[in-house]
Amino acid sequence: MSDVSPEERITRYILNRRHIKPEKGEIKADAFLPTNPKPEQQERQTSVYRTINCEETEIWSIGDRYVENREKKRFILARGDLLAQAVYNQDLRIVPHPFPHPRHANIVNWPNEESPEHRKAKAVLLAQEARLIVRLSI
């Protein structure tokens, strides 16, 4: 897949119950916070999937196959869908990363300051822009 256009739908799968408030239809900022850098991955990143032109069943199927891990008891509870433009508005970038799936991408360009407030502020705005879609089985 090519570069991510601003009008593309991006999906963040949510596996932690503390990251959502289903009764209010809200996603908490922690759902979008990036991973910490690792030796093999110098940059902070948040894993997302490019779900433009996907049917609902295909979106859930991608998550089931490439995100959920039943052996580790990691189950998809919900997802947050937002337009790529919301990411770009935070001076973040979306980089296609076609592993483990061709639609996989990473949100990068997170601030690297020791203080996490800047990252949290960006994650708050992403969470506010995202639409919560709760899995029927939770």
N, C-alpha and C. Protein backbone atom coordinates (compact mmCIF):
# COMPACT_ATOMS: atom_id res chain seq x y z
N MET A 1 0.85 -1.19 0.00
CA MET A 1 0.00 0.00 0.00
C MET A 1 0.89 1.25 0.00
N SER A 2 0.35 2.32 -0.49
CA SER A 2 1.10 3.56 -0.64
C SER A 2 1.06 4.41 0.62
N ASP A 3 1.51 5.65 0.49
CA ASP A 3 1.47 6.58 1.61
C ASP A 3 0.04 6.71 2.13
N VAL A 4 -0.08 7.09 3.38
CA VAL A 4 -1.38 7.20 4.02
C VAL A 4 -1.95 8.59 3.79
N SER A 5 -3.07 8.66 3.11
CA SER A 5 -3.68 9.96 2.81
C SER A 5 -4.47 10.45 4.02
N PRO A 6 -4.62 11.77 4.16
CA PRO A 6 -5.31 12.34 5.32
C PRO A 6 -6.73 11.84 5.51
N GLU A 7 -7.41 11.49 4.42
CA GLU A 7 -8.81 11.06 4.55
C GLU A 7 -8.97 9.56 4.78
N GLU A 8 -7.86 8.86 4.94
CA GLU A 8 -7.92 7.42 5.21
C GLU A 8 -8.36 7.13 6.64
N ARG A 9 -9.15 6.06 6.79
CA ARG A 9 -9.54 5.59 8.12
C ARG A 9 -8.39 4.75 8.69
N ILE A 10 -8.06 5.03 9.94
CA ILE A 10 -7.03 4.31 10.68
C ILE A 10 -7.72 3.64 11.86
N THR A 11 -7.36 2.40 12.15
CA THR A 11 -7.97 1.66 13.25
C THR A 11 -6.92 1.27 14.27
N ARG A 12 -7.22 1.56 15.53
CA ARG A 12 -6.40 1.13 16.65
C ARG A 12 -7.21 0.09 17.41
N TYR A 13 -6.70 -1.14 17.48
CA TYR A 13 -7.38 -2.19 18.23
C TYR A 13 -7.09 -2.01 19.71
N ILE A 14 -8.10 -2.24 20.54
CA ILE A 14 -7.98 -2.01 21.98
C ILE A 14 -8.15 -3.33 22.71
N LEU A 15 -7.13 -3.68 23.50
CA LEU A 15 -7.11 -4.95 24.22
C LEU A 15 -7.19 -4.80 25.73
N ASN A 16 -7.18 -3.58 26.21
CA ASN A 16 -7.17 -3.34 27.65
C ASN A 16 -8.47 -2.65 28.06
N ARG A 17 -9.19 -3.26 28.96
CA ARG A 17 -10.49 -2.73 29.42
C ARG A 17 -10.36 -1.34 30.03
N ARG A 18 -9.19 -1.04 30.61
CA ARG A 18 -8.98 0.28 31.22
C ARG A 18 -8.84 1.39 30.17
N HIS A 19 -8.71 1.03 28.91
CA HIS A 19 -8.53 2.03 27.86
C HIS A 19 -9.83 2.54 27.26
N ILE A 20 -10.94 2.02 27.73
CA ILE A 20 -12.24 2.45 27.17
C ILE A 20 -13.25 2.70 28.28
N LYS A 21 -14.23 3.55 27.95
CA LYS A 21 -15.41 3.77 28.79
C LYS A 21 -16.61 3.50 27.89
N PRO A 22 -16.99 2.23 27.75
CA PRO A 22 -18.07 1.91 26.80
C PRO A 22 -19.39 2.61 27.11
N GLU A 23 -19.69 2.78 28.38
CA GLU A 23 -20.96 3.42 28.75
C GLU A 23 -21.03 4.87 28.30
N LYS A 24 -19.86 5.51 28.10
CA LYS A 24 -19.81 6.90 27.63
C LYS A 24 -19.37 6.99 26.17
N GLY A 25 -19.03 5.84 25.57
CA GLY A 25 -18.56 5.84 24.19
C GLY A 25 -17.20 6.50 24.04
N GLU A 26 -16.36 6.39 25.06
CA GLU A 26 -15.06 7.08 25.06
C GLU A 26 -13.89 6.12 25.03
N ILE A 27 -12.83 6.61 24.41
CA ILE A 27 -11.54 5.93 24.43
C ILE A 27 -10.61 6.79 25.27
N LYS A 28 -9.84 6.16 26.13
CA LYS A 28 -8.88 6.91 26.94
C LYS A 28 -7.58 7.08 26.16
N ALA A 29 -6.86 8.12 26.50
CA ALA A 29 -5.62 8.45 25.81
C ALA A 29 -4.62 7.31 25.83
N ASP A 30 -4.59 6.54 26.91
CA ASP A 30 -3.61 5.45 27.02
C ASP A 30 -3.71 4.46 25.87
N ALA A 31 -4.87 4.36 25.25
CA ALA A 31 -5.04 3.45 24.12
C ALA A 31 -4.16 3.84 22.93
N PHE A 32 -3.78 5.11 22.85
CA PHE A 32 -2.99 5.59 21.71
C PHE A 32 -1.53 5.86 22.06
N LEU A 33 -1.16 5.74 23.33
CA LEU A 33 0.23 6.03 23.69
C LEU A 33 1.18 5.08 22.97
N PRO A 34 2.35 5.58 22.58
CA PRO A 34 3.30 4.74 21.85
C PRO A 34 4.07 3.81 22.78
N THR A 35 4.67 2.82 22.17
CA THR A 35 5.57 1.92 22.90
C THR A 35 6.85 2.68 23.23
N ASN A 36 7.57 2.21 24.21
CA ASN A 36 8.89 2.78 24.52
C ASN A 36 9.90 2.26 23.52
N PRO A 37 10.93 3.05 23.22
CA PRO A 37 11.95 2.57 22.28
C PRO A 37 12.63 1.30 22.80
N LYS A 38 13.07 0.48 21.86
CA LYS A 38 13.79 -0.76 22.16
C LYS A 38 15.04 -0.77 21.30
N PRO A 39 16.01 -1.62 21.62
CA PRO A 39 17.23 -1.65 20.79
C PRO A 39 16.94 -1.85 19.31
N GLU A 40 15.97 -2.73 18.99
CA GLU A 40 15.66 -2.99 17.57
C GLU A 40 14.68 -1.98 16.99
N GLN A 41 14.13 -1.13 17.84
CA GLN A 41 13.14 -0.13 17.41
C GLN A 41 13.44 1.16 18.17
N GLN A 42 14.20 2.03 17.55
CA GLN A 42 14.67 3.24 18.22
C GLN A 42 13.58 4.28 18.44
N GLU A 43 12.52 4.16 17.70
CA GLU A 43 11.49 5.19 17.70
C GLU A 43 10.24 4.72 18.44
N ARG A 44 9.62 5.63 19.16
CA ARG A 44 8.34 5.33 19.79
C ARG A 44 7.30 5.19 18.68
N GLN A 45 6.39 4.22 18.81
CA GLN A 45 5.38 4.03 17.78
C GLN A 45 4.12 3.41 18.35
N THR A 46 3.03 3.68 17.65
CA THR A 46 1.73 3.13 17.98
C THR A 46 1.25 2.35 16.76
N SER A 47 0.95 1.09 16.98
CA SER A 47 0.52 0.20 15.90
C SER A 47 -0.93 0.48 15.53
N VAL A 48 -1.19 0.63 14.23
CA VAL A 48 -2.54 0.85 13.72
C VAL A 48 -2.71 0.06 12.42
N TYR A 49 -3.92 0.02 11.94
CA TYR A 49 -4.21 -0.64 10.66
C TYR A 49 -4.97 0.33 9.78
N ARG A 50 -4.68 0.26 8.51
CA ARG A 50 -5.33 1.10 7.51
C ARG A 50 -6.58 0.36 7.03
N THR A 51 -7.75 0.86 7.41
CA THR A 51 -8.97 0.10 7.16
C THR A 51 -9.92 0.77 6.18
N ILE A 52 -9.39 1.70 5.40
CA ILE A 52 -10.21 2.32 4.37
C ILE A 52 -10.67 1.23 3.39
N ASN A 53 -11.90 1.33 2.96
CA ASN A 53 -12.51 0.39 2.02
C ASN A 53 -12.65 -1.03 2.56
N CYS A 54 -12.58 -1.21 3.87
CA CYS A 54 -12.79 -2.53 4.48
C CYS A 54 -14.21 -2.62 5.02
N GLU A 55 -14.80 -3.76 4.86
CA GLU A 55 -16.10 -4.05 5.49
C GLU A 55 -15.85 -4.31 6.98
N GLU A 56 -16.90 -4.16 7.78
CA GLU A 56 -16.79 -4.39 9.22
C GLU A 56 -16.19 -5.77 9.53
N THR A 57 -16.68 -6.78 8.86
CA THR A 57 -16.19 -8.14 9.15
C THR A 57 -14.70 -8.27 8.84
N GLU A 58 -14.23 -7.60 7.80
CA GLU A 58 -12.81 -7.66 7.46
C GLU A 58 -11.96 -6.95 8.52
N ILE A 59 -12.45 -5.81 9.03
CA ILE A 59 -11.70 -5.08 10.06
C ILE A 59 -11.52 -5.96 11.30
N TRP A 60 -12.60 -6.59 11.75
CA TRP A 60 -12.50 -7.46 12.93
C TRP A 60 -11.65 -8.68 12.63
N SER A 61 -11.75 -9.20 11.43
CA SER A 61 -10.97 -10.38 11.05
C SER A 61 -9.46 -10.09 11.08
N ILE A 62 -9.05 -8.91 10.60
CA ILE A 62 -7.63 -8.53 10.65
C ILE A 62 -7.17 -8.50 12.11
N GLY A 63 -7.95 -7.88 12.96
CA GLY A 63 -7.59 -7.83 14.38
C GLY A 63 -7.51 -9.21 15.00
N ASP A 64 -8.48 -10.05 14.70
CA ASP A 64 -8.49 -11.40 15.26
C ASP A 64 -7.25 -12.19 14.85
N ARG A 65 -6.86 -12.01 13.62
CA ARG A 65 -5.76 -12.81 13.09
C ARG A 65 -4.38 -12.26 13.42
N TYR A 66 -4.24 -10.92 13.47
CA TYR A 66 -2.91 -10.32 13.57
C TYR A 66 -2.65 -9.54 14.86
N VAL A 67 -3.68 -9.31 15.67
CA VAL A 67 -3.49 -8.54 16.90
C VAL A 67 -3.81 -9.39 18.13
N GLU A 68 -4.96 -10.03 18.09
CA GLU A 68 -5.38 -10.84 19.23
C GLU A 68 -4.44 -12.03 19.40
N ASN A 69 -4.23 -12.44 20.65
CA ASN A 69 -3.39 -13.60 20.94
C ASN A 69 -4.04 -14.37 22.08
N ARG A 70 -4.79 -15.38 21.73
CA ARG A 70 -5.55 -16.13 22.74
C ARG A 70 -4.64 -16.85 23.73
N GLU A 71 -3.48 -17.34 23.28
CA GLU A 71 -2.56 -18.03 24.20
C GLU A 71 -2.09 -17.09 25.32
N LYS A 72 -1.88 -15.82 24.96
CA LYS A 72 -1.43 -14.83 25.95
C LYS A 72 -2.60 -14.10 26.59
N LYS A 73 -3.82 -14.57 26.30
CA LYS A 73 -5.05 -13.97 26.84
C LYS A 73 -5.16 -12.48 26.48
N ARG A 74 -4.79 -12.16 25.25
CA ARG A 74 -4.93 -10.80 24.71
C ARG A 74 -6.10 -10.82 23.73
N PHE A 75 -7.23 -10.27 24.18
CA PHE A 75 -8.44 -10.29 23.38
C PHE A 75 -8.83 -8.88 22.98
N ILE A 76 -9.28 -8.73 21.75
CA ILE A 76 -9.74 -7.42 21.28
C ILE A 76 -11.10 -7.14 21.90
N LEU A 77 -11.17 -6.03 22.62
CA LEU A 77 -12.41 -5.62 23.27
C LEU A 77 -13.17 -4.59 22.45
N ALA A 78 -12.40 -3.79 21.72
CA ALA A 78 -12.99 -2.69 20.96
C ALA A 78 -11.95 -2.19 19.97
N ARG A 79 -12.34 -1.16 19.27
CA ARG A 79 -11.37 -0.49 18.40
C ARG A 79 -11.71 0.99 18.35
N GLY A 80 -10.72 1.77 17.97
CA GLY A 80 -10.91 3.19 17.78
C GLY A 80 -10.62 3.52 16.33
N ASP A 81 -11.58 4.08 15.63
CA ASP A 81 -11.40 4.48 14.24
C ASP A 81 -11.30 5.99 14.16
N LEU A 82 -10.35 6.47 13.38
CA LEU A 82 -10.20 7.90 13.18
C LEU A 82 -9.59 8.14 11.81
N LEU A 83 -9.70 9.36 11.35
CA LEU A 83 -9.07 9.72 10.08
C LEU A 83 -7.60 10.01 10.30
N ALA A 84 -6.80 9.68 9.31
CA ALA A 84 -5.37 9.94 9.39
C ALA A 84 -5.08 11.42 9.63
N GLN A 85 -5.95 12.28 9.14
CA GLN A 85 -5.76 13.72 9.33
C GLN A 85 -5.62 14.08 10.81
N ALA A 86 -6.35 13.39 11.68
CA ALA A 86 -6.25 13.65 13.13
C ALA A 86 -4.83 13.38 13.63
N VAL A 87 -4.19 12.38 13.08
CA VAL A 87 -2.80 12.05 13.44
C VAL A 87 -1.88 13.15 12.93
N TYR A 88 -2.06 13.53 11.68
CA TYR A 88 -1.22 14.57 11.07
C TYR A 88 -1.39 15.91 11.79
N ASN A 89 -2.58 16.19 12.30
CA ASN A 89 -2.82 17.43 13.03
C ASN A 89 -1.98 17.53 14.30
N GLN A 90 -1.49 16.41 14.78
CA GLN A 90 -0.66 16.39 15.99
C GLN A 90 0.83 16.36 15.65
N ASP A 91 1.18 16.66 14.41
CA ASP A 91 2.57 16.61 13.94
C ASP A 91 3.17 15.22 14.09
N LEU A 92 2.31 14.22 13.98
CA LEU A 92 2.75 12.83 13.97
C LEU A 92 2.65 12.34 12.53
N ARG A 93 3.29 11.23 12.24
CA ARG A 93 3.26 10.65 10.90
C ARG A 93 2.73 9.22 10.98
N ILE A 94 2.22 8.74 9.88
CA ILE A 94 1.80 7.34 9.77
C ILE A 94 2.67 6.71 8.70
N VAL A 95 3.41 5.69 9.10
CA VAL A 95 4.34 5.02 8.20
C VAL A 95 3.84 3.61 7.92
N PRO A 96 3.59 3.28 6.65
CA PRO A 96 3.19 1.91 6.34
C PRO A 96 4.27 0.93 6.81
N HIS A 97 3.84 -0.15 7.43
CA HIS A 97 4.75 -1.18 7.94
C HIS A 97 4.04 -2.51 7.70
N PRO A 98 4.17 -3.07 6.49
CA PRO A 98 3.32 -4.19 6.08
C PRO A 98 3.60 -5.53 6.75
N PHE A 99 4.07 -5.50 7.96
CA PHE A 99 4.23 -6.73 8.74
C PHE A 99 3.53 -6.51 10.07
N PRO A 100 2.66 -7.32 10.53
CA PRO A 100 2.37 -8.68 10.06
C PRO A 100 1.31 -8.76 8.96
N HIS A 101 0.78 -7.61 8.54
CA HIS A 101 -0.29 -7.59 7.53
C HIS A 101 -0.05 -6.41 6.59
N PRO A 102 -0.41 -6.52 5.32
CA PRO A 102 -0.19 -5.41 4.38
C PRO A 102 -0.84 -4.09 4.79
N ARG A 103 -1.89 -4.13 5.62
CA ARG A 103 -2.56 -2.91 6.05
C ARG A 103 -1.99 -2.32 7.35
N HIS A 104 -0.99 -2.95 7.90
CA HIS A 104 -0.41 -2.47 9.16
C HIS A 104 0.42 -1.21 8.91
N ALA A 105 0.39 -0.31 9.90
CA ALA A 105 1.19 0.92 9.86
C ALA A 105 1.53 1.31 11.29
N ASN A 106 2.44 2.25 11.43
CA ASN A 106 2.80 2.77 12.75
C ASN A 106 2.66 4.28 12.77
N ILE A 107 2.11 4.78 13.88
CA ILE A 107 2.14 6.22 14.13
C ILE A 107 3.49 6.50 14.76
N VAL A 108 4.24 7.41 14.14
CA VAL A 108 5.59 7.73 14.61
C VAL A 108 5.75 9.24 14.75
N ASN A 109 6.94 9.64 15.12
CA ASN A 109 7.29 11.04 15.32
C ASN A 109 6.79 11.56 16.66
N TRP A 110 6.62 10.64 17.62
CA TRP A 110 6.21 11.02 18.97
C TRP A 110 7.35 11.79 19.63
N PRO A 111 7.03 12.77 20.47
CA PRO A 111 8.09 13.49 21.18
C PRO A 111 8.91 12.53 22.04
N ASN A 112 10.23 12.75 22.08
CA ASN A 112 11.11 11.86 22.83
C ASN A 112 11.57 12.44 24.15
N GLU A 113 10.98 13.55 24.59
CA GLU A 113 11.40 14.12 25.85
C GLU A 113 11.22 13.09 26.96
N GLU A 114 12.02 13.25 28.01
CA GLU A 114 11.88 12.37 29.16
C GLU A 114 10.51 12.52 29.81
N SER A 115 9.98 13.73 29.78
CA SER A 115 8.67 13.99 30.36
C SER A 115 7.59 13.48 29.41
N PRO A 116 6.69 12.62 29.88
CA PRO A 116 5.68 12.04 28.98
C PRO A 116 4.47 12.94 28.70
N GLU A 117 4.43 14.14 29.28
CA GLU A 117 3.24 14.98 29.12
C GLU A 117 2.95 15.34 27.67
N HIS A 118 3.99 15.56 26.87
CA HIS A 118 3.77 15.93 25.47
C HIS A 118 3.14 14.77 24.69
N ARG A 119 3.61 13.57 24.95
CA ARG A 119 3.03 12.40 24.29
C ARG A 119 1.59 12.20 24.74
N LYS A 120 1.36 12.35 26.02
CA LYS A 120 0.01 12.16 26.57
C LYS A 120 -0.96 13.17 25.97
N ALA A 121 -0.53 14.41 25.82
CA ALA A 121 -1.39 15.45 25.25
C ALA A 121 -1.80 15.09 23.82
N LYS A 122 -0.86 14.57 23.04
CA LYS A 122 -1.18 14.16 21.67
C LYS A 122 -2.13 12.97 21.68
N ALA A 123 -1.88 12.01 22.57
CA ALA A 123 -2.73 10.82 22.67
C ALA A 123 -4.16 11.20 23.09
N VAL A 124 -4.28 12.19 23.98
CA VAL A 124 -5.61 12.67 24.40
C VAL A 124 -6.39 13.16 23.19
N LEU A 125 -5.74 13.95 22.35
CA LEU A 125 -6.43 14.51 21.18
C LEU A 125 -6.78 13.41 20.17
N LEU A 126 -5.92 12.42 20.01
CA LEU A 126 -6.25 11.30 19.12
C LEU A 126 -7.46 10.54 19.66
N ALA A 127 -7.47 10.28 20.97
CA ALA A 127 -8.58 9.56 21.58
C ALA A 127 -9.89 10.32 21.42
N GLN A 128 -9.83 11.64 21.54
CA GLN A 128 -11.04 12.45 21.37
C GLN A 128 -11.57 12.41 19.95
N GLU A 129 -10.68 12.28 18.98
CA GLU A 129 -11.08 12.23 17.58
C GLU A 129 -11.57 10.85 17.16
N ALA A 130 -11.18 9.82 17.89
CA ALA A 130 -11.51 8.45 17.51
C ALA A 130 -12.93 8.08 17.88
N ARG A 131 -13.51 7.25 17.07
CA ARG A 131 -14.85 6.72 17.34
C ARG A 131 -14.69 5.33 17.94
N LEU A 132 -15.26 5.14 19.12
CA LEU A 132 -15.19 3.83 19.78
C LEU A 132 -16.21 2.88 19.18
N ILE A 133 -15.72 1.71 18.79
CA ILE A 133 -16.58 0.64 18.32
C ILE A 133 -16.30 -0.56 19.22
N VAL A 134 -17.28 -0.89 20.08
CA VAL A 134 -17.10 -1.95 21.05
C VAL A 134 -17.46 -3.28 20.43
N ARG A 135 -16.67 -4.26 20.73
CA ARG A 135 -16.95 -5.63 20.26
C ARG A 135 -18.21 -6.12 20.94
N LEU A 136 -19.07 -6.74 20.21
CA LEU A 136 -20.36 -7.18 20.76
C LEU A 136 -20.20 -8.20 21.88
N SER A 137 -19.10 -8.92 21.90
CA SER A 137 -18.95 -10.02 22.86
C SER A 137 -18.35 -9.60 24.20
N ILE A 138 -18.12 -8.29 24.46
CA ILE A 138 -17.51 -7.96 25.76
C ILE A 138 -18.57 -7.70 26.80
